[in-house]
Amino acid sequence: MKKIHPRTVFPYYYFFCQLSFFITKMTSLLISHSHNANSHTHAKND
């Protein structure tokens, strides 16, 4: 196996961090949105 240099790995690591942060942000937005939608439907049902 070739020795991996940190300089070549860092961009991928940085990209992965950005991607995971973006996914977390989007999922939290989706969850809050669906939660608001559910609360609205519950309010209508009442």
Protein backbone atom coordinates (compact mmCIF):
# COMPACT_ATOMS: atom_id res chain seq x y z
CA MET A 1 0.00 0.00 0.00
CA LYS A 2 1.16 3.50 -0.74
CA LYS A 3 1.64 5.86 2.14
CA ILE A 4 -1.13 8.44 2.18
CA HIS A 5 0.00 12.02 2.59
CA PRO A 6 -2.17 14.26 4.79
CA ARG A 7 -2.02 16.95 2.14
CA THR A 8 -3.93 14.76 -0.31
CA VAL A 9 -6.38 13.54 2.31
CA PHE A 10 -7.24 16.92 3.81
CA PRO A 11 -9.42 18.21 0.93
CA TYR A 12 -11.50 15.05 1.09
CA TYR A 13 -11.79 15.33 4.87
CA TYR A 14 -12.81 18.98 4.59
CA PHE A 15 -15.37 18.15 1.90
CA PHE A 16 -16.77 15.35 4.06
CA CYS A 17 -17.13 17.72 7.03
CA GLN A 18 -18.91 20.29 4.89
CA LEU A 19 -21.19 17.60 3.45
CA SER A 20 -22.08 16.16 6.84
CA PHE A 21 -22.79 19.66 8.18
CA PHE A 22 -25.03 20.39 5.19
CA ILE A 23 -26.91 17.11 5.63
CA THR A 24 -27.42 17.77 9.33
CA LYS A 25 -28.69 21.26 8.56
CA MET A 26 -31.10 20.02 5.90
CA THR A 27 -32.44 17.17 8.03
CA SER A 28 -33.05 19.53 10.97
CA LEU A 29 -34.88 21.92 8.63
CA LEU A 30 -36.97 19.08 7.21
CA ILE A 31 -37.77 17.78 10.69
CA SER A 32 -38.82 21.21 11.93
CA HIS A 33 -40.88 21.75 8.76
CA SER A 34 -42.67 18.42 9.05
CA HIS A 35 -43.22 19.08 12.77
CA ASN A 36 -44.81 22.44 11.97
CA ALA A 37 -46.98 20.80 9.31
CA ASN A 38 -48.08 18.15 11.80
CA SER A 39 -48.96 20.77 14.40
CA HIS A 40 -51.00 22.64 11.80
CA THR A 41 -52.89 19.50 10.81
CA HIS A 42 -53.54 18.69 14.46
CA ALA A 43 -54.84 22.21 15.00
CA LYS A 44 -57.18 21.82 12.02
CA ASN A 45 -58.40 18.47 13.31
CA ASP A 46 -59.24 20.03 16.66
